[in-house]
Amino acid sequence: MPTVAENLSPLVCHLCGGESPLRMRFWDGSELGPESGETVVVFTSANAVRRVLWMPNELGLARAYVAGEVDVDGDIYGLFRLQGLLSPADRPSGWAARLESGRRLVEAARATGALGPPLEPPPEEARLHGLRHSRARDARAIAHHYDVSNDFYRLFLGETMTYSCAYFATPETPLADAQRAKYDLICRKLGLRPGMRLLDVGCGWGGMAMHAAERYGAQAVGVTVSQRQVDYARDAVAAAGLGDRVDIRLQDYRDVADGPFDAISSIGMFEHVGRAKLGEYFGRLYGLLRPGGRLLNHGICRPRGSRGLRRTSFAGRYVFPDGELHEVGIVAKAMQARGFEVRDTQSLREHYALTLRHWVRNLEEHWDDAVRLSSPGRARVWRLYMAGSAENFANGKTTVHQVLAVRPDADGRSGLPLTREALAG
């Protein structure tokens, strides 16, 4: 009787255009692919084939991984070579080619006992309802991503509890030092000085607000719609003795009413806004900023233009439901349409690849604790998401930009220094 590997070999060759670049091991113990390599993709169940049969793209493979029907023995980054085979850019798109791919997949599924109706997605998949980017739905989307466990996030974020791109002086710079350097970079760009009022939109666990208060003497307000982040941040503020300088609120940025502020930072929150809401977002921040005040928007961008995360994408279903990425020119245009003057942009793409590799390594080193604090599926979601994101930042499919803008005063003056060196150091 043929092994699973023998039954699947024609399909694998069809998808790969030849021999598989990765070693594959199947639930009956049979294997195919090269002997050497740092990654073995392990198919633990015929359900993995069924999922790919019904969803022959990254979502099908991701569902199988989250469900534990596909595993990785070795380097997690090798899995993305297999993912790329399921939806290559140069695959023929005609009906004949699609029918041939479907025929081979069905034959392989029948031979391995994987034929059947579609399986239910793993429970970690987001199921949001209501009007897209309404306040209620935005809150649910944020809760899906962030309200897991503060202890879970600490496992991979480390001591600074900072869930955004760090700023590395060298590739060997420790993660915590690089995160503090990122906060310093932002504070310098904003020109923070003692007594200035800072609004940190989407403040996370309070890192930026606390850094600005402790190192620059700012009076900081941080807002987030995640209750768990608020609970953690308030405890951290009290422990640091910063209660008189840092105010952490469970509040949507659209409800902040105690401006004006001298400076506004928005770090890693912008991805949740949506293109249809860009005008409202920047208009609201403009209204909260005093004339001459500065805004620093730090957000993930898509080099080839704005797009919401596809429903067939792993990130759109499991990580950032309703998330949208924008091309940096669209971001700048939206800022200026609301009265801001864009003064500086900086890409930190390579820095985010380094950051994510630190997070993946931390998560893998604390894997048993990660599973205990969340669930096997949830831990798998984060491992796959962070490793895949590291690859995307490294190869330029995704980038991240800091865009600095100013609200000019009545005479059109920006108040910024003449040189970039004086601005950011």
Protein backbone atom coordinates (compact mmCIF):
# COMPACT_ATOMS: atom_id res chain seq x y z
CA MET A 1 0.00 0.00 0.00
CA PRO A 2 1.46 3.42 -0.94
CA THR A 3 2.58 5.70 1.88
CA VAL A 4 1.12 9.16 2.40
CA ALA A 5 4.34 10.65 1.04
CA GLU A 6 4.04 8.57 -2.13
CA ASN A 7 0.41 9.59 -2.59
CA LEU A 8 1.18 13.28 -2.07
CA SER A 9 4.42 13.40 -4.04
CA PRO A 10 2.77 14.22 -7.43
CA LEU A 11 0.80 17.04 -5.84
CA VAL A 12 3.86 18.44 -4.07
CA CYS A 13 5.85 18.33 -7.30
CA HIS A 14 3.01 20.09 -9.11
CA LEU A 15 2.86 22.89 -6.54
CA CYS A 16 6.63 23.27 -6.29
CA GLY A 17 7.38 22.92 -9.97
CA GLY A 18 9.70 20.06 -9.05
CA GLU A 19 11.22 18.60 -5.90
CA SER A 20 10.02 20.09 -2.60
CA PRO A 21 12.55 22.59 -1.18
CA LEU A 22 11.65 21.44 2.36
CA ARG A 23 11.63 18.10 4.11
CA MET A 24 8.07 16.97 4.86
CA ARG A 25 7.02 14.30 7.34
CA PHE A 26 3.50 12.85 7.37
CA TRP A 27 1.26 11.23 9.95
CA ASP A 28 2.21 7.70 8.88
CA GLY A 29 5.92 8.46 9.36
CA SER A 30 6.73 8.66 5.66
CA GLU A 31 8.79 11.59 4.35
CA LEU A 32 9.71 13.37 1.15
CA GLY A 33 11.98 16.23 0.18
CA PRO A 34 15.67 16.94 0.71
CA GLU A 35 17.51 15.23 3.57
CA SER A 36 19.39 18.38 4.56
CA GLY A 37 17.93 21.59 5.90
CA GLU A 38 17.02 23.33 9.14
CA THR A 39 13.26 22.88 8.81
CA VAL A 40 11.03 19.81 8.61
CA VAL A 41 7.33 20.52 8.07
CA VAL A 42 5.37 17.87 9.97
CA PHE A 43 1.82 17.01 8.88
CA THR A 44 0.27 15.34 11.92
CA SER A 45 -3.19 14.72 10.46
CA ALA A 46 -5.04 14.26 7.17
CA ASN A 47 -7.10 17.27 8.26
CA ALA A 48 -4.22 19.48 7.18
CA VAL A 49 -4.66 18.30 3.60
CA ARG A 50 -8.42 18.84 3.87
CA ARG A 51 -7.94 22.41 5.03
CA VAL A 52 -5.61 23.19 2.13
CA LEU A 53 -8.04 21.47 -0.26
CA TRP A 54 -10.81 23.88 0.76
CA MET A 55 -8.56 26.93 1.17
CA PRO A 56 -5.47 26.48 -1.07
CA ASN A 57 -3.68 29.61 0.12
CA GLU A 58 -1.92 30.89 3.23
CA LEU A 59 -5.13 30.75 5.28
CA GLY A 60 -5.59 27.02 4.74
CA LEU A 61 -2.04 26.26 5.84
CA ALA A 62 -2.27 28.71 8.75
CA ARG A 63 -5.48 27.13 10.04
CA ALA A 64 -3.80 23.73 9.97
CA TYR A 65 -0.82 25.12 11.90
CA VAL A 66 -2.96 26.86 14.54
CA ALA A 67 -5.00 23.66 14.97
CA GLY A 68 -1.82 21.61 15.48
CA GLU A 69 -2.34 19.61 12.28
CA VAL A 70 0.88 21.07 10.86
CA ASP A 71 3.98 21.58 12.96
CA VAL A 72 7.55 22.67 12.38
CA ASP A 73 10.60 20.74 13.50
CA GLY A 74 13.43 23.28 13.43
CA ASP A 75 13.48 26.83 12.08
CA ILE A 76 9.95 28.32 11.95
CA TYR A 77 11.01 30.71 9.19
CA GLY A 78 11.37 27.81 6.76
CA LEU A 79 7.60 27.31 6.88
CA PHE A 80 7.11 30.43 4.81
CA ARG A 81 8.88 28.83 1.86
CA LEU A 82 6.04 26.29 1.82
CA GLN A 83 3.42 29.01 2.28
CA GLY A 84 4.79 30.82 -0.76
CA LEU A 85 4.24 27.71 -2.87
CA LEU A 86 0.51 27.80 -2.15
CA SER A 87 0.03 31.28 -3.63
CA PRO A 88 3.00 32.20 -5.82
CA ALA A 89 2.79 35.41 -7.82
CA ASP A 90 3.79 33.67 -11.05
CA ARG A 91 1.33 30.76 -10.87
CA PRO A 92 -0.74 30.45 -14.09
CA SER A 93 -4.19 31.90 -13.47
CA GLY A 94 -6.14 30.40 -16.36
CA TRP A 95 -9.04 28.01 -15.85
CA ALA A 96 -7.10 25.06 -17.21
CA ALA A 97 -4.28 25.56 -14.73
CA ARG A 98 -6.72 25.99 -11.86
CA LEU A 99 -8.63 22.86 -12.82
CA GLU A 100 -5.41 20.88 -13.01
CA SER A 101 -4.33 22.05 -9.57
CA GLY A 102 -7.75 21.21 -8.17
CA ARG A 103 -7.77 17.78 -9.80
CA ARG A 104 -4.37 16.88 -8.36
CA LEU A 105 -5.35 18.10 -4.92
CA VAL A 106 -8.59 16.10 -4.92
CA GLU A 107 -6.78 12.95 -6.07
CA ALA A 108 -4.20 13.35 -3.32
CA ALA A 109 -6.89 14.00 -0.71
CA ARG A 110 -8.84 10.91 -1.77
CA ALA A 111 -5.75 8.71 -1.64
CA THR A 112 -4.82 9.91 1.86
CA GLY A 113 -8.31 9.83 3.37
CA ALA A 114 -8.55 13.61 3.58
CA LEU A 115 -11.69 14.13 1.50
CA GLY A 116 -14.64 15.57 3.38
CA PRO A 117 -16.59 18.74 4.10
CA PRO A 118 -14.72 21.86 5.24
CA LEU A 119 -13.58 21.82 8.85
CA GLU A 120 -14.53 24.47 11.36
CA PRO A 121 -11.80 27.10 11.72
CA PRO A 122 -9.83 26.99 14.96
CA PRO A 123 -11.54 28.96 17.76
CA GLU A 124 -8.74 31.56 17.75
CA GLU A 125 -10.07 32.97 14.46
CA ALA A 126 -11.77 36.36 14.86
CA ARG A 127 -15.48 36.68 14.17
CA LEU A 128 -16.42 40.35 14.32
CA HIS A 129 -19.86 41.79 13.73
CA GLY A 130 -21.24 45.27 13.31
CA LEU A 131 -20.25 48.31 11.26
CA ARG A 132 -16.59 48.23 10.27
CA HIS A 133 -14.48 50.75 12.27
CA SER A 134 -17.40 51.73 14.45
CA ARG A 135 -16.34 52.34 18.04
CA ALA A 136 -17.93 49.12 19.28
CA ARG A 137 -16.38 46.96 16.56
CA ASP A 138 -12.98 48.64 16.91
CA ALA A 139 -13.07 47.86 20.63
CA ARG A 140 -13.83 44.20 19.90
CA ALA A 141 -11.01 44.04 17.34
CA ILE A 142 -8.57 45.49 19.86
CA ALA A 143 -9.78 43.10 22.55
CA HIS A 144 -9.28 40.11 20.23
CA HIS A 145 -5.65 41.05 19.76
CA TYR A 146 -4.57 42.53 23.08
CA ASP A 147 -6.78 41.11 25.81
CA VAL A 148 -5.01 37.77 26.06
CA SER A 149 -2.87 38.06 29.19
CA ASN A 150 -0.39 40.67 30.29
CA ASP A 151 1.86 37.87 31.52
CA PHE A 152 1.66 36.25 28.09
CA TYR A 153 2.86 39.41 26.37
CA ARG A 154 5.66 39.87 28.88
CA LEU A 155 7.10 36.49 27.86
CA PHE A 156 8.14 37.81 24.46
CA LEU A 157 8.03 41.60 24.76
CA GLY A 158 10.43 41.59 27.70
CA GLU A 159 10.89 44.11 30.48
CA THR A 160 9.74 47.22 28.59
CA MET A 161 6.37 45.68 27.57
CA THR A 162 6.64 47.54 24.28
CA TYR A 163 4.68 46.12 21.34
CA SER A 164 6.12 48.14 18.49
CA CYS A 165 9.30 48.45 16.46
CA ALA A 166 12.49 49.03 18.44
CA TYR A 167 15.43 51.18 17.31
CA PHE A 168 18.75 49.32 17.18
CA ALA A 169 22.13 51.02 17.26
CA THR A 170 23.64 47.69 16.11
CA PRO A 171 22.18 44.24 15.40
CA GLU A 172 23.63 43.13 18.76
CA THR A 173 21.85 45.83 20.79
CA PRO A 174 19.68 44.22 23.53
CA LEU A 175 15.96 44.49 22.86
CA ALA A 176 15.17 46.51 25.99
CA ASP A 177 17.87 49.06 25.14
CA ALA A 178 16.55 49.32 21.58
CA GLN A 179 13.02 49.94 22.81
CA ARG A 180 14.16 52.71 25.12
CA ALA A 181 16.16 54.18 22.22
CA LYS A 182 12.95 54.22 20.15
CA TYR A 183 11.15 56.17 22.87
CA ASP A 184 14.09 58.57 23.06
CA LEU A 185 13.99 59.07 19.29
CA ILE A 186 10.29 59.94 19.42
CA CYS A 187 10.68 62.27 22.40
CA ARG A 188 13.46 64.17 20.62
CA LYS A 189 11.43 64.48 17.43
CA LEU A 190 8.52 65.84 19.45
CA GLY A 191 10.82 68.31 21.18
CA LEU A 192 9.58 67.32 24.64
CA ARG A 193 10.62 69.49 27.57
CA PRO A 194 9.65 69.58 31.25
CA GLY A 195 6.03 70.55 31.82
CA MET A 196 4.84 69.92 28.26
CA ARG A 197 1.59 67.98 27.84
CA LEU A 198 1.86 64.78 25.79
CA LEU A 199 -1.03 62.68 24.50
CA ASP A 200 -0.05 59.10 23.64
CA VAL A 201 -2.77 57.59 21.46
CA GLY A 202 -3.01 53.82 21.79
CA CYS A 203 -0.65 53.85 24.76
CA GLY A 204 -0.40 50.07 25.18
CA TRP A 205 1.13 49.15 28.53
CA GLY A 206 2.24 52.74 29.18
CA GLY A 207 5.88 52.61 28.07
CA MET A 208 5.97 55.80 26.00
CA ALA A 209 4.00 57.88 28.50
CA MET A 210 6.21 56.73 31.38
CA HIS A 211 9.43 57.32 29.42
CA ALA A 212 8.35 60.82 28.43
CA ALA A 213 7.46 61.70 32.02
CA GLU A 214 10.51 60.14 33.66
CA ARG A 215 13.21 61.15 31.16
CA TYR A 216 11.80 64.40 29.73
CA GLY A 217 9.60 65.76 32.50
CA ALA A 218 6.41 65.66 30.41
CA GLN A 219 2.86 65.55 31.75
CA ALA A 220 1.60 62.51 29.85
CA VAL A 221 -1.87 61.21 29.09
CA GLY A 222 -2.11 57.72 27.62
CA VAL A 223 -5.36 56.35 26.14
CA THR A 224 -6.22 52.80 25.09
CA VAL A 225 -9.44 50.82 24.67
CA SER A 226 -7.90 47.66 26.19
CA GLN A 227 -8.89 47.18 29.84
CA ARG A 228 -6.01 44.79 30.50
CA GLN A 229 -3.50 47.31 29.21
CA VAL A 230 -5.01 50.01 31.41
CA ASP A 231 -4.81 47.79 34.50
CA TYR A 232 -1.17 46.93 33.83
CA ALA A 233 -0.12 50.48 32.91
CA ARG A 234 -1.72 52.05 35.97
CA ASP A 235 0.07 49.59 38.24
CA ALA A 236 3.37 50.28 36.44
CA VAL A 237 2.88 54.04 36.76
CA ALA A 238 2.19 53.74 40.49
CA ALA A 239 5.19 51.45 41.03
CA ALA A 240 7.45 53.96 39.25
CA GLY A 241 6.18 56.84 41.39
CA LEU A 242 4.86 58.68 38.34
CA GLY A 243 1.23 59.02 39.38
CA ASP A 244 1.44 62.82 39.42
CA ARG A 245 2.81 62.97 35.85
CA VAL A 246 1.13 60.10 33.96
CA ASP A 247 -2.62 59.62 33.49
CA ILE A 248 -3.65 56.28 31.88
CA ARG A 249 -7.23 56.19 30.62
CA LEU A 250 -9.59 53.58 29.22
CA GLN A 251 -10.73 55.90 26.44
CA ASP A 252 -11.16 56.06 22.68
CA TYR A 253 -9.02 58.83 21.19
CA ARG A 254 -12.20 60.29 19.68
CA ASP A 255 -13.46 60.96 23.21
CA VAL A 256 -10.44 62.93 24.48
CA ALA A 257 -11.71 66.40 25.30
CA ASP A 258 -9.09 68.05 27.49
CA GLY A 259 -6.74 69.50 24.90
CA PRO A 260 -4.75 71.30 23.84
CA PHE A 261 -1.61 69.17 24.05
CA ASP A 262 1.90 70.30 23.21
CA ALA A 263 2.71 67.01 21.48
CA ILE A 264 0.95 63.82 20.38
CA SER A 265 2.48 60.39 19.77
CA SER A 266 0.69 57.50 18.11
CA ILE A 267 2.81 54.33 18.06
CA GLY A 268 1.51 51.13 16.49
CA MET A 269 -2.15 52.15 16.77
CA PHE A 270 -2.65 53.66 13.32
CA GLU A 271 -3.05 50.22 11.67
CA HIS A 272 -6.47 49.91 13.32
CA VAL A 273 -7.90 53.19 11.98
CA GLY A 274 -8.85 52.28 8.41
CA ARG A 275 -8.54 54.42 5.28
CA ALA A 276 -12.11 55.62 5.46
CA LYS A 277 -11.39 57.08 8.90
CA LEU A 278 -8.02 58.75 8.15
CA GLY A 279 -9.59 62.18 7.81
CA GLU A 280 -11.43 61.84 11.10
CA TYR A 281 -8.30 60.49 12.81
CA PHE A 282 -5.94 63.27 11.75
CA GLY A 283 -8.64 65.92 12.07
CA ARG A 284 -9.28 64.89 15.66
CA LEU A 285 -5.57 64.92 16.53
CA TYR A 286 -5.14 68.31 14.84
CA GLY A 287 -7.91 69.72 17.01
CA LEU A 288 -6.24 68.37 20.18
CA LEU A 289 -2.85 69.92 19.37
CA ARG A 290 -1.87 73.51 20.15
CA PRO A 291 -0.56 75.71 17.32
CA GLY A 292 3.13 74.91 16.98
CA GLY A 293 2.61 71.43 18.47
CA ARG A 294 4.00 68.28 16.88
CA LEU A 295 2.48 64.90 15.98
CA LEU A 296 4.57 61.74 15.56
CA ASN A 297 2.69 58.94 13.79
CA HIS A 298 4.55 55.61 13.93
CA GLY A 299 2.78 52.96 11.86
CA ILE A 300 3.21 49.92 9.66
CA CYS A 301 2.89 50.75 5.96
CA ARG A 302 2.35 48.86 2.73
CA PRO A 303 4.79 49.97 0.01
CA ARG A 304 2.40 49.25 -2.88
CA GLY A 305 -0.59 51.20 -1.67
CA SER A 306 -3.34 51.04 0.92
CA ARG A 307 -5.20 47.83 1.45
CA GLY A 308 -7.22 46.16 4.17
CA LEU A 309 -5.94 42.80 5.31
CA ARG A 310 -7.57 40.24 3.04
CA ARG A 311 -10.15 37.83 4.40
CA THR A 312 -7.98 35.04 3.01
CA SER A 313 -4.94 36.32 4.90
CA PHE A 314 -3.80 34.81 8.16
CA ALA A 315 -3.20 38.24 9.73
CA GLY A 316 -6.68 39.47 8.76
CA ARG A 317 -8.43 36.50 10.33
CA TYR A 318 -6.30 35.81 13.40
CA VAL A 319 -4.15 38.79 14.32
CA PHE A 320 -5.45 42.19 13.17
CA PRO A 321 -9.12 41.83 12.26
CA ASP A 322 -10.19 44.93 10.32
CA GLY A 323 -6.56 46.07 10.16
CA GLU A 324 -5.52 48.20 7.18
CA LEU A 325 -2.06 49.17 5.94
CA HIS A 326 -1.40 52.35 3.99
CA GLU A 327 1.33 53.57 1.68
CA VAL A 328 3.34 56.27 3.44
CA GLY A 329 2.47 58.89 0.79
CA ILE A 330 -1.22 58.40 1.53
CA VAL A 331 -0.48 58.91 5.22
CA ALA A 332 1.35 62.18 4.54
CA LYS A 333 -1.37 63.38 2.18
CA ALA A 334 -4.08 62.64 4.76
CA MET A 335 -2.14 64.56 7.40
CA GLN A 336 -1.71 67.63 5.25
CA ALA A 337 -5.34 67.56 4.11
CA ARG A 338 -6.27 68.16 7.75
CA GLY A 339 -3.92 71.11 8.22
CA PHE A 340 -0.70 69.44 9.35
CA GLU A 341 2.63 70.19 7.74
CA VAL A 342 4.67 67.02 7.26
CA ARG A 343 8.30 67.72 8.19
CA ASP A 344 10.11 64.39 8.44
CA THR A 345 9.67 60.73 7.55
CA GLN A 346 11.89 57.83 8.58
CA SER A 347 11.63 54.17 7.66
CA LEU A 348 12.56 51.65 10.36
CA ARG A 349 11.91 48.55 8.24
CA GLU A 350 15.07 46.64 9.10
CA HIS A 351 14.63 47.55 12.77
CA TYR A 352 11.22 45.85 12.83
CA ALA A 353 12.64 42.66 11.33
CA LEU A 354 15.20 42.60 14.16
CA THR A 355 12.53 43.36 16.76
CA LEU A 356 10.30 40.53 15.60
CA ARG A 357 13.13 38.01 15.59
CA HIS A 358 13.79 38.91 19.24
CA TRP A 359 10.11 38.37 20.03
CA VAL A 360 10.00 34.99 18.24
CA ARG A 361 13.10 33.82 20.07
CA ASN A 362 11.66 34.95 23.42
CA LEU A 363 8.37 33.18 22.74
CA GLU A 364 10.09 29.95 21.75
CA GLU A 365 12.29 30.05 24.84
CA HIS A 366 9.18 30.37 27.05
CA TRP A 367 6.90 28.14 24.98
CA ASP A 368 5.44 26.03 27.81
CA ASP A 369 4.56 29.15 29.77
CA ALA A 370 3.04 30.76 26.66
CA VAL A 371 0.74 27.77 26.16
CA ARG A 372 -0.19 27.72 29.85
CA LEU A 373 -1.06 31.43 29.87
CA SER A 374 -3.13 31.34 26.67
CA SER A 375 -3.77 28.12 24.74
CA PRO A 376 -1.79 25.96 22.30
CA GLY A 377 -3.63 27.59 19.40
CA ARG A 378 -3.14 31.14 20.62
CA ALA A 379 0.58 30.60 21.19
CA ARG A 380 0.83 29.17 17.67
CA VAL A 381 -0.96 32.22 16.25
CA TRP A 382 1.63 34.54 17.75
CA ARG A 383 4.60 32.43 16.72
CA LEU A 384 3.40 32.21 13.12
CA TYR A 385 2.38 35.87 12.94
CA MET A 386 5.63 37.26 14.34
CA ALA A 387 7.87 34.98 12.28
CA GLY A 388 5.95 35.78 9.10
CA SER A 389 6.05 39.49 9.86
CA ALA A 390 9.81 39.33 10.39
CA GLU A 391 10.15 37.82 6.92
CA ASN A 392 7.90 40.48 5.37
CA PHE A 393 9.86 43.35 6.91
CA ALA A 394 13.17 41.77 5.93
CA ASN A 395 12.17 41.35 2.27
CA GLY A 396 10.41 44.70 1.89
CA LYS A 397 6.83 43.48 1.55
CA THR A 398 5.98 45.55 4.61
CA THR A 399 7.60 48.60 6.12
CA VAL A 400 7.14 50.96 9.06
CA HIS A 401 7.44 54.73 9.05
CA GLN A 402 7.65 57.49 11.58
CA VAL A 403 5.99 60.57 10.10
CA LEU A 404 6.53 63.81 11.99
CA ALA A 405 4.11 66.66 11.39
CA VAL A 406 3.50 70.04 12.97
CA ARG A 407 0.42 72.21 13.38
CA PRO A 408 1.80 75.61 12.26
CA ASP A 409 0.99 78.63 14.36
CA ALA A 410 -1.10 81.56 13.13
CA ASP A 411 1.92 83.02 11.30
CA GLY A 412 2.74 79.72 9.62
CA ARG A 413 5.80 79.09 11.80
CA SER A 414 6.69 75.48 12.67
CA GLY A 415 9.10 76.08 15.53
CA LEU A 416 11.29 73.22 14.30
CA PRO A 417 15.11 73.44 14.22
CA LEU A 418 16.84 74.07 10.93
CA THR A 419 18.63 70.72 10.67
CA ARG A 420 17.54 67.13 10.93
CA GLU A 421 20.46 66.44 13.24
CA ALA A 422 19.12 69.03 15.67
CA LEU A 423 15.65 67.50 15.35
CA ALA A 424 16.39 63.85 16.03
CA GLY A 425 20.05 63.67 17.04
